[in-house]
Amino acid sequence: HNTNEIELVGWSDLDYAGDLDDRKSTSVYVFMLGTGAISWSSKKQPIVTLSTTEAEYVAASLCVCQCIWLRNVLSQLRIRQGKTSLIYCDNSSSINLSKNPIMHGRCKHIDVRFHFLRNLAKEGTVELKHCTTQEQLADLMTKPLKLDTFQKLRSKLGMMAPQKL
């Protein structure tokens, strides 16, 4: 197998403050192994966040938890992964936050449990990479999409319409 065919890649996104009752955001991720989706989730965040940057950072942290678990499962199955797993995110500020070890006013209140993402990024186990909103595969689970956009993203996930099975 070509390593590109079996590379684990994640996509992280969210619906910011989408719950009108408690204003919590919904974290979404999807993981691809080669050309097919193998893991996905849409789950309300455990905290209320103060900005989209913070919410995206929390979403990415939750995504990284799944990434580590998937890397361990793949290792047990003898499907080797490279040193670093890529996780795509469409929020540049949260990517910068994952790379910046300095605590400053905008992030000092973020719960320490979400900062382990920084350690894993520093070690090179995961890397958050920017993607455009148009490339964001996890958008399928965050908002209604135009039919052509939905079909394009569905196809990229390795899924097809039932009538084509």
N, C-alpha and C. Protein backbone atom coordinates (compact mmCIF):
# COMPACT_ATOMS: atom_id res chain seq x y z
N HIS A 1 0.83 -1.20 0.00
CA HIS A 1 0.00 0.00 0.00
C HIS A 1 0.87 1.25 0.00
N ASN A 2 0.43 2.24 -0.73
CA ASN A 2 1.03 3.57 -0.69
C ASN A 2 0.59 4.22 0.63
N THR A 3 1.53 4.86 1.35
CA THR A 3 1.17 5.45 2.64
C THR A 3 0.09 6.51 2.51
N ASN A 4 -0.01 7.19 1.39
CA ASN A 4 -1.07 8.19 1.22
C ASN A 4 -2.44 7.53 1.23
N GLU A 5 -2.53 6.28 0.82
CA GLU A 5 -3.82 5.59 0.77
C GLU A 5 -4.34 5.23 2.17
N ILE A 6 -3.43 5.09 3.14
CA ILE A 6 -3.88 4.67 4.46
C ILE A 6 -3.56 5.71 5.54
N GLU A 7 -3.33 6.91 5.14
CA GLU A 7 -3.02 7.98 6.09
C GLU A 7 -4.29 8.42 6.84
N LEU A 8 -4.17 8.55 8.14
CA LEU A 8 -5.26 9.04 8.98
C LEU A 8 -5.25 10.56 8.94
N VAL A 9 -6.37 11.15 8.54
CA VAL A 9 -6.50 12.61 8.46
C VAL A 9 -7.81 13.01 9.11
N GLY A 10 -7.76 14.06 9.94
CA GLY A 10 -8.96 14.53 10.63
C GLY A 10 -9.41 15.89 10.15
N TRP A 11 -10.68 16.16 10.35
CA TRP A 11 -11.30 17.45 10.03
C TRP A 11 -12.11 17.87 11.24
N SER A 12 -11.86 19.07 11.74
CA SER A 12 -12.53 19.56 12.94
C SER A 12 -13.27 20.85 12.63
N ASP A 13 -14.50 20.97 13.14
CA ASP A 13 -15.29 22.18 12.91
C ASP A 13 -16.30 22.31 14.04
N LEU A 14 -17.11 23.36 14.00
CA LEU A 14 -18.14 23.51 15.01
C LEU A 14 -19.25 24.42 14.55
N ASP A 15 -20.33 24.33 15.28
CA ASP A 15 -21.46 25.24 15.15
C ASP A 15 -21.40 26.11 16.40
N TYR A 16 -20.93 27.36 16.25
CA TYR A 16 -20.67 28.22 17.41
C TYR A 16 -21.96 28.67 18.10
N ALA A 17 -22.03 28.41 19.41
CA ALA A 17 -23.14 28.83 20.27
C ALA A 17 -24.49 28.48 19.67
N GLY A 18 -24.55 27.33 19.00
CA GLY A 18 -25.76 26.94 18.28
C GLY A 18 -26.93 26.53 19.14
N ASP A 19 -26.69 26.13 20.39
CA ASP A 19 -27.79 25.75 21.26
C ASP A 19 -28.38 27.03 21.86
N LEU A 20 -29.59 27.36 21.47
CA LEU A 20 -30.20 28.62 21.89
C LEU A 20 -30.56 28.65 23.37
N ASP A 21 -30.66 27.49 24.01
CA ASP A 21 -30.99 27.46 25.43
C ASP A 21 -29.78 27.76 26.31
N ASP A 22 -28.65 27.10 26.05
CA ASP A 22 -27.48 27.30 26.92
C ASP A 22 -26.28 27.92 26.20
N ARG A 23 -26.41 28.21 24.91
CA ARG A 23 -25.38 28.87 24.08
C ARG A 23 -24.08 28.05 23.98
N LYS A 24 -24.16 26.76 24.21
CA LYS A 24 -22.99 25.91 24.00
C LYS A 24 -22.85 25.61 22.52
N SER A 25 -21.62 25.41 22.10
CA SER A 25 -21.32 25.09 20.71
C SER A 25 -21.34 23.58 20.50
N THR A 26 -21.44 23.17 19.27
CA THR A 26 -21.39 21.76 18.92
C THR A 26 -20.10 21.48 18.17
N SER A 27 -19.28 20.58 18.73
CA SER A 27 -18.03 20.16 18.09
C SER A 27 -18.32 19.05 17.10
N VAL A 28 -17.64 19.11 15.97
CA VAL A 28 -17.82 18.11 14.93
C VAL A 28 -16.44 17.68 14.45
N TYR A 29 -16.27 16.38 14.23
CA TYR A 29 -15.05 15.92 13.55
C TYR A 29 -15.39 14.74 12.67
N VAL A 30 -14.51 14.54 11.70
CA VAL A 30 -14.58 13.35 10.85
C VAL A 30 -13.14 12.93 10.57
N PHE A 31 -12.89 11.62 10.59
CA PHE A 31 -11.57 11.09 10.27
C PHE A 31 -11.66 10.22 9.04
N MET A 32 -10.70 10.43 8.16
CA MET A 32 -10.58 9.64 6.94
C MET A 32 -9.36 8.73 7.09
N LEU A 33 -9.51 7.51 6.61
CA LEU A 33 -8.38 6.60 6.48
C LEU A 33 -8.35 6.24 5.02
N GLY A 34 -7.36 6.76 4.31
CA GLY A 34 -7.35 6.61 2.86
C GLY A 34 -8.48 7.41 2.27
N THR A 35 -9.38 6.74 1.57
CA THR A 35 -10.46 7.44 0.87
C THR A 35 -11.83 7.27 1.53
N GLY A 36 -11.87 6.76 2.75
CA GLY A 36 -13.16 6.55 3.40
C GLY A 36 -13.21 7.11 4.82
N ALA A 37 -14.37 7.59 5.20
CA ALA A 37 -14.58 8.06 6.57
C ALA A 37 -14.65 6.86 7.51
N ILE A 38 -13.88 6.89 8.60
CA ILE A 38 -13.90 5.77 9.55
C ILE A 38 -14.40 6.17 10.93
N SER A 39 -14.47 7.47 11.21
CA SER A 39 -14.92 7.92 12.52
C SER A 39 -15.45 9.34 12.38
N TRP A 40 -16.59 9.60 13.03
CA TRP A 40 -17.15 10.95 12.99
C TRP A 40 -17.99 11.17 14.24
N SER A 41 -18.17 12.44 14.58
CA SER A 41 -18.94 12.78 15.77
C SER A 41 -19.48 14.19 15.66
N SER A 42 -20.64 14.39 16.25
CA SER A 42 -21.22 15.72 16.42
C SER A 42 -21.74 15.74 17.85
N LYS A 43 -21.11 16.57 18.71
CA LYS A 43 -21.42 16.52 20.13
C LYS A 43 -21.33 17.92 20.74
N LYS A 44 -22.29 18.22 21.61
CA LYS A 44 -22.29 19.52 22.28
C LYS A 44 -21.06 19.64 23.18
N GLN A 45 -20.41 20.81 23.15
CA GLN A 45 -19.24 21.03 23.99
C GLN A 45 -19.64 21.09 25.47
N PRO A 46 -18.73 20.69 26.36
CA PRO A 46 -19.07 20.65 27.79
C PRO A 46 -19.08 22.03 28.46
N ILE A 47 -18.60 23.06 27.76
CA ILE A 47 -18.50 24.40 28.35
C ILE A 47 -19.07 25.44 27.39
N VAL A 48 -19.40 26.61 27.93
CA VAL A 48 -19.76 27.75 27.09
C VAL A 48 -18.45 28.48 26.78
N THR A 49 -18.21 28.75 25.51
CA THR A 49 -16.98 29.43 25.11
C THR A 49 -17.28 30.89 24.81
N LEU A 50 -16.23 31.72 24.90
CA LEU A 50 -16.40 33.16 24.77
C LEU A 50 -16.12 33.69 23.38
N SER A 51 -15.60 32.85 22.49
CA SER A 51 -15.29 33.30 21.13
C SER A 51 -15.26 32.10 20.19
N THR A 52 -15.33 32.38 18.90
CA THR A 52 -15.22 31.29 17.92
C THR A 52 -13.83 30.65 18.00
N THR A 53 -12.80 31.46 18.26
CA THR A 53 -11.45 30.91 18.38
C THR A 53 -11.39 29.89 19.51
N GLU A 54 -11.91 30.26 20.66
CA GLU A 54 -11.90 29.34 21.80
C GLU A 54 -12.72 28.09 21.49
N ALA A 55 -13.89 28.27 20.88
CA ALA A 55 -14.75 27.13 20.56
C ALA A 55 -14.08 26.20 19.56
N GLU A 56 -13.42 26.76 18.54
CA GLU A 56 -12.71 25.94 17.55
C GLU A 56 -11.54 25.21 18.21
N TYR A 57 -10.87 25.86 19.15
CA TYR A 57 -9.75 25.26 19.87
C TYR A 57 -10.24 24.08 20.71
N VAL A 58 -11.36 24.26 21.40
CA VAL A 58 -11.95 23.17 22.18
C VAL A 58 -12.36 22.03 21.25
N ALA A 59 -12.98 22.37 20.11
CA ALA A 59 -13.38 21.34 19.14
C ALA A 59 -12.16 20.57 18.64
N ALA A 60 -11.08 21.29 18.34
CA ALA A 60 -9.86 20.63 17.87
C ALA A 60 -9.27 19.74 18.95
N SER A 61 -9.34 20.17 20.20
CA SER A 61 -8.84 19.35 21.31
C SER A 61 -9.62 18.05 21.44
N LEU A 62 -10.94 18.14 21.31
CA LEU A 62 -11.77 16.93 21.37
C LEU A 62 -11.47 16.02 20.17
N CYS A 63 -11.22 16.62 19.02
CA CYS A 63 -10.87 15.86 17.82
C CYS A 63 -9.53 15.14 18.02
N VAL A 64 -8.58 15.83 18.65
CA VAL A 64 -7.26 15.24 18.90
C VAL A 64 -7.37 14.02 19.83
N CYS A 65 -8.28 14.08 20.80
CA CYS A 65 -8.49 12.90 21.67
C CYS A 65 -8.84 11.68 20.82
N GLN A 66 -9.76 11.87 19.87
CA GLN A 66 -10.16 10.77 18.99
C GLN A 66 -9.00 10.34 18.10
N CYS A 67 -8.22 11.31 17.66
CA CYS A 67 -7.07 11.00 16.80
C CYS A 67 -6.09 10.07 17.52
N ILE A 68 -5.79 10.38 18.77
CA ILE A 68 -4.86 9.55 19.55
C ILE A 68 -5.43 8.13 19.69
N TRP A 69 -6.71 8.03 19.99
CA TRP A 69 -7.34 6.71 20.13
C TRP A 69 -7.27 5.95 18.80
N LEU A 70 -7.59 6.63 17.70
CA LEU A 70 -7.54 5.97 16.38
C LEU A 70 -6.12 5.53 16.03
N ARG A 71 -5.13 6.37 16.34
CA ARG A 71 -3.74 5.98 16.08
C ARG A 71 -3.38 4.72 16.86
N ASN A 72 -3.86 4.61 18.10
CA ASN A 72 -3.59 3.42 18.90
C ASN A 72 -4.27 2.19 18.32
N VAL A 73 -5.52 2.33 17.88
CA VAL A 73 -6.24 1.21 17.26
C VAL A 73 -5.52 0.78 15.98
N LEU A 74 -5.14 1.74 15.15
CA LEU A 74 -4.44 1.42 13.91
C LEU A 74 -3.11 0.73 14.19
N SER A 75 -2.43 1.16 15.24
CA SER A 75 -1.18 0.52 15.63
C SER A 75 -1.41 -0.94 16.02
N GLN A 76 -2.49 -1.20 16.76
CA GLN A 76 -2.84 -2.57 17.15
C GLN A 76 -3.13 -3.43 15.91
N LEU A 77 -3.71 -2.79 14.88
CA LEU A 77 -4.02 -3.49 13.64
C LEU A 77 -2.82 -3.54 12.68
N ARG A 78 -1.69 -3.04 13.15
CA ARG A 78 -0.44 -2.99 12.38
C ARG A 78 -0.57 -2.13 11.12
N ILE A 79 -1.39 -1.09 11.23
CA ILE A 79 -1.49 -0.09 10.16
C ILE A 79 -0.70 1.12 10.64
N ARG A 80 0.54 1.16 10.21
CA ARG A 80 1.46 2.19 10.70
C ARG A 80 1.06 3.57 10.18
N GLN A 81 1.24 4.55 11.04
CA GLN A 81 1.01 5.94 10.67
C GLN A 81 2.33 6.69 10.74
N GLY A 82 2.39 7.77 10.02
CA GLY A 82 3.57 8.63 10.11
C GLY A 82 3.65 9.24 11.49
N LYS A 83 4.72 9.97 11.74
CA LYS A 83 4.92 10.59 13.05
C LYS A 83 3.79 11.56 13.39
N THR A 84 3.29 12.28 12.38
CA THR A 84 2.31 13.33 12.60
C THR A 84 1.01 13.06 11.87
N SER A 85 -0.10 13.20 12.57
CA SER A 85 -1.42 13.13 11.93
C SER A 85 -1.91 14.56 11.70
N LEU A 86 -2.41 14.83 10.51
CA LEU A 86 -2.93 16.15 10.18
C LEU A 86 -4.39 16.26 10.57
N ILE A 87 -4.74 17.40 11.13
CA ILE A 87 -6.13 17.72 11.44
C ILE A 87 -6.41 19.08 10.82
N TYR A 88 -7.39 19.10 9.92
CA TYR A 88 -7.72 20.34 9.23
C TYR A 88 -8.79 21.11 9.99
N CYS A 89 -8.60 22.42 10.01
CA CYS A 89 -9.48 23.34 10.73
C CYS A 89 -9.57 24.61 9.90
N ASP A 90 -10.73 25.26 9.89
CA ASP A 90 -10.87 26.47 9.08
C ASP A 90 -10.76 27.76 9.89
N ASN A 91 -10.18 27.67 11.10
CA ASN A 91 -10.02 28.85 11.95
C ASN A 91 -8.54 29.07 12.25
N SER A 92 -7.94 30.05 11.59
CA SER A 92 -6.50 30.32 11.75
C SER A 92 -6.12 30.68 13.18
N SER A 93 -6.97 31.41 13.87
CA SER A 93 -6.64 31.83 15.24
C SER A 93 -6.50 30.64 16.18
N SER A 94 -7.36 29.64 16.04
CA SER A 94 -7.25 28.46 16.91
C SER A 94 -6.01 27.65 16.56
N ILE A 95 -5.62 27.63 15.29
CA ILE A 95 -4.38 26.96 14.89
C ILE A 95 -3.20 27.66 15.54
N ASN A 96 -3.19 29.00 15.48
CA ASN A 96 -2.11 29.77 16.11
C ASN A 96 -2.07 29.53 17.62
N LEU A 97 -3.23 29.44 18.25
CA LEU A 97 -3.30 29.18 19.68
C LEU A 97 -2.68 27.82 20.02
N SER A 98 -2.84 26.84 19.14
CA SER A 98 -2.27 25.51 19.38
C SER A 98 -0.75 25.51 19.28
N LYS A 99 -0.19 26.51 18.60
CA LYS A 99 1.26 26.56 18.40
C LYS A 99 1.94 27.53 19.35
N ASN A 100 1.18 28.33 20.09
CA ASN A 100 1.74 29.37 20.93
C ASN A 100 1.71 28.94 22.40
N PRO A 101 2.88 28.67 22.98
CA PRO A 101 2.91 28.21 24.37
C PRO A 101 2.71 29.33 25.39
N ILE A 102 2.64 30.57 24.93
CA ILE A 102 2.50 31.71 25.84
C ILE A 102 1.04 31.87 26.25
N MET A 103 0.79 31.97 27.53
CA MET A 103 -0.57 32.25 28.02
C MET A 103 -0.77 33.76 27.97
N HIS A 104 -1.81 34.18 27.34
CA HIS A 104 -2.11 35.61 27.31
C HIS A 104 -3.59 35.82 27.64
N GLY A 105 -4.01 37.06 27.71
CA GLY A 105 -5.35 37.41 28.15
C GLY A 105 -6.47 36.70 27.43
N ARG A 106 -6.29 36.42 26.14
CA ARG A 106 -7.38 35.83 25.37
C ARG A 106 -7.57 34.34 25.64
N CYS A 107 -6.59 33.69 26.26
CA CYS A 107 -6.74 32.24 26.45
C CYS A 107 -6.47 31.77 27.87
N LYS A 108 -6.15 32.67 28.78
CA LYS A 108 -5.79 32.23 30.13
C LYS A 108 -6.93 31.54 30.87
N HIS A 109 -8.16 31.80 30.45
CA HIS A 109 -9.31 31.18 31.12
C HIS A 109 -9.67 29.81 30.56
N ILE A 110 -9.04 29.39 29.45
CA ILE A 110 -9.38 28.10 28.84
C ILE A 110 -8.92 26.97 29.75
N ASP A 111 -9.80 26.06 30.02
CA ASP A 111 -9.53 24.94 30.91
C ASP A 111 -8.28 24.19 30.46
N VAL A 112 -7.45 23.85 31.42
CA VAL A 112 -6.17 23.20 31.15
C VAL A 112 -6.33 21.88 30.38
N ARG A 113 -7.47 21.21 30.53
CA ARG A 113 -7.65 19.93 29.85
C ARG A 113 -7.65 20.07 28.33
N PHE A 114 -7.92 21.28 27.83
CA PHE A 114 -7.92 21.47 26.39
C PHE A 114 -6.54 21.83 25.86
N HIS A 115 -5.61 22.22 26.75
CA HIS A 115 -4.28 22.64 26.30
C HIS A 115 -3.34 21.48 26.00
N PHE A 116 -3.76 20.24 26.27
CA PHE A 116 -2.88 19.12 25.91
C PHE A 116 -2.66 19.09 24.40
N LEU A 117 -3.57 19.71 23.66
CA LEU A 117 -3.40 19.84 22.21
C LEU A 117 -2.06 20.50 21.89
N ARG A 118 -1.70 21.53 22.66
CA ARG A 118 -0.41 22.21 22.45
C ARG A 118 0.76 21.24 22.62
N ASN A 119 0.69 20.41 23.66
CA ASN A 119 1.78 19.45 23.90
C ASN A 119 1.91 18.47 22.75
N LEU A 120 0.79 17.96 22.27
CA LEU A 120 0.84 17.00 21.16
C LEU A 120 1.32 17.66 19.88
N ALA A 121 0.96 18.92 19.68
CA ALA A 121 1.44 19.66 18.51
C ALA A 121 2.94 19.89 18.62
N LYS A 122 3.39 20.25 19.82
CA LYS A 122 4.83 20.49 20.04
C LYS A 122 5.64 19.20 19.82
N GLU A 123 5.09 18.06 20.27
CA GLU A 123 5.75 16.76 20.08
C GLU A 123 5.75 16.33 18.62
N GLY A 124 4.82 16.89 17.83
CA GLY A 124 4.70 16.49 16.43
C GLY A 124 3.76 15.32 16.22
N THR A 125 2.99 14.94 17.24
CA THR A 125 2.03 13.84 17.10
C THR A 125 0.86 14.26 16.22
N VAL A 126 0.42 15.51 16.39
CA VAL A 126 -0.64 16.06 15.55
C VAL A 126 -0.21 17.44 15.05
N GLU A 127 -0.80 17.83 13.94
CA GLU A 127 -0.58 19.18 13.43
C GLU A 127 -1.91 19.72 12.93
N LEU A 128 -2.30 20.87 13.47
CA LEU A 128 -3.49 21.54 12.94
C LEU A 128 -3.08 22.29 11.70
N LYS A 129 -3.82 22.09 10.63
CA LYS A 129 -3.54 22.75 9.36
C LYS A 129 -4.78 23.48 8.90
N HIS A 130 -4.57 24.62 8.29
CA HIS A 130 -5.70 25.42 7.83
C HIS A 130 -6.30 24.83 6.56
N CYS A 131 -7.61 24.88 6.47
CA CYS A 131 -8.31 24.55 5.23
C CYS A 131 -9.36 25.63 5.01
N THR A 132 -9.73 25.84 3.78
CA THR A 132 -10.77 26.82 3.49
C THR A 132 -12.12 26.25 3.90
N THR A 133 -13.08 27.13 4.06
CA THR A 133 -14.43 26.69 4.40
C THR A 133 -14.97 25.76 3.32
N GLN A 134 -14.62 26.00 2.07
CA GLN A 134 -15.09 25.16 0.96
C GLN A 134 -14.51 23.75 1.03
N GLU A 135 -13.33 23.59 1.64
CA GLU A 135 -12.68 22.28 1.74
C GLU A 135 -13.05 21.55 3.03
N GLN A 136 -13.76 22.19 3.93
CA GLN A 136 -14.02 21.66 5.27
C GLN A 136 -15.04 20.51 5.22
N LEU A 137 -14.53 19.28 5.27
CA LEU A 137 -15.39 18.10 5.18
C LEU A 137 -16.39 18.02 6.33
N ALA A 138 -16.01 18.50 7.51
CA ALA A 138 -16.89 18.41 8.67
C ALA A 138 -18.10 19.33 8.56
N ASP A 139 -18.11 20.24 7.59
CA ASP A 139 -19.27 21.12 7.39
C ASP A 139 -20.56 20.34 7.15
N LEU A 140 -20.43 19.12 6.66
CA LEU A 140 -21.62 18.29 6.45
C LEU A 140 -22.43 18.12 7.72
N MET A 141 -21.78 18.25 8.88
CA MET A 141 -22.47 18.01 10.15
C MET A 141 -22.72 19.28 10.95
N THR A 142 -22.44 20.45 10.37
CA THR A 142 -22.62 21.68 11.15
C THR A 142 -23.72 22.58 10.63
N LYS A 143 -24.06 22.47 9.37
CA LYS A 143 -25.05 23.41 8.82
C LYS A 143 -25.68 22.86 7.55
N PRO A 144 -26.82 23.44 7.18
CA PRO A 144 -27.41 23.05 5.89
C PRO A 144 -26.53 23.55 4.75
N LEU A 145 -26.41 22.76 3.72
CA LEU A 145 -25.55 23.11 2.58
C LEU A 145 -26.36 23.06 1.29
N LYS A 146 -25.89 23.81 0.30
CA LYS A 146 -26.49 23.70 -1.03
C LYS A 146 -26.26 22.28 -1.53
N LEU A 147 -27.16 21.79 -2.37
CA LEU A 147 -27.10 20.40 -2.82
C LEU A 147 -25.75 20.07 -3.46
N ASP A 148 -25.25 20.93 -4.34
CA ASP A 148 -23.98 20.62 -5.01
C ASP A 148 -22.82 20.56 -4.02
N THR A 149 -22.81 21.44 -3.01
CA THR A 149 -21.77 21.40 -1.98
C THR A 149 -21.89 20.13 -1.15
N PHE A 150 -23.11 19.79 -0.76
CA PHE A 150 -23.36 18.57 0.00
C PHE A 150 -22.86 17.34 -0.77
N GLN A 151 -23.21 17.24 -2.05
CA GLN A 151 -22.81 16.09 -2.85
C GLN A 151 -21.29 16.02 -3.01
N LYS A 152 -20.65 17.17 -3.18
CA LYS A 152 -19.19 17.20 -3.32
C LYS A 152 -18.52 16.70 -2.04
N LEU A 153 -18.95 17.23 -0.89
CA LEU A 153 -18.35 16.82 0.38
C LEU A 153 -18.67 15.36 0.70
N ARG A 154 -19.89 14.92 0.41
CA ARG A 154 -20.27 13.52 0.64
C ARG A 154 -19.37 12.60 -0.18
N SER A 155 -19.12 12.96 -1.41
CA SER A 155 -18.25 12.16 -2.28
C SER A 155 -16.83 12.10 -1.72
N LYS A 156 -16.32 13.24 -1.21
CA LYS A 156 -14.97 13.27 -0.64
C LYS A 156 -14.86 12.39 0.59
N LEU A 157 -15.99 12.17 1.28
CA LEU A 157 -15.99 11.28 2.45
C LEU A 157 -16.04 9.81 2.06
N GLY A 158 -16.14 9.54 0.75
CA GLY A 158 -16.20 8.15 0.30
C GLY A 158 -17.59 7.57 0.43
N MET A 159 -18.58 8.43 0.53
CA MET A 159 -19.98 7.98 0.66
C MET A 159 -20.72 8.28 -0.63
N MET A 160 -21.81 7.57 -0.84
CA MET A 160 -22.60 7.79 -2.06
C MET A 160 -24.08 7.71 -1.74
N ALA A 161 -24.88 8.20 -2.67
CA ALA A 161 -26.33 8.16 -2.52
C ALA A 161 -26.79 6.70 -2.53
N PRO A 162 -27.82 6.36 -1.72
CA PRO A 162 -28.29 4.97 -1.64
C PRO A 162 -28.68 4.39 -2.99
N GLN A 163 -29.26 5.19 -3.87
CA GLN A 163 -29.69 4.67 -5.17
C GLN A 163 -28.51 4.28 -6.06
N LYS A 164 -27.28 4.68 -5.69
CA LYS A 164 -26.10 4.32 -6.48
C LYS A 164 -25.41 3.07 -5.96
N LEU A 165 -25.93 2.51 -4.88
CA LEU A 165 -25.30 1.31 -4.30
C LEU A 165 -25.55 0.09 -5.16
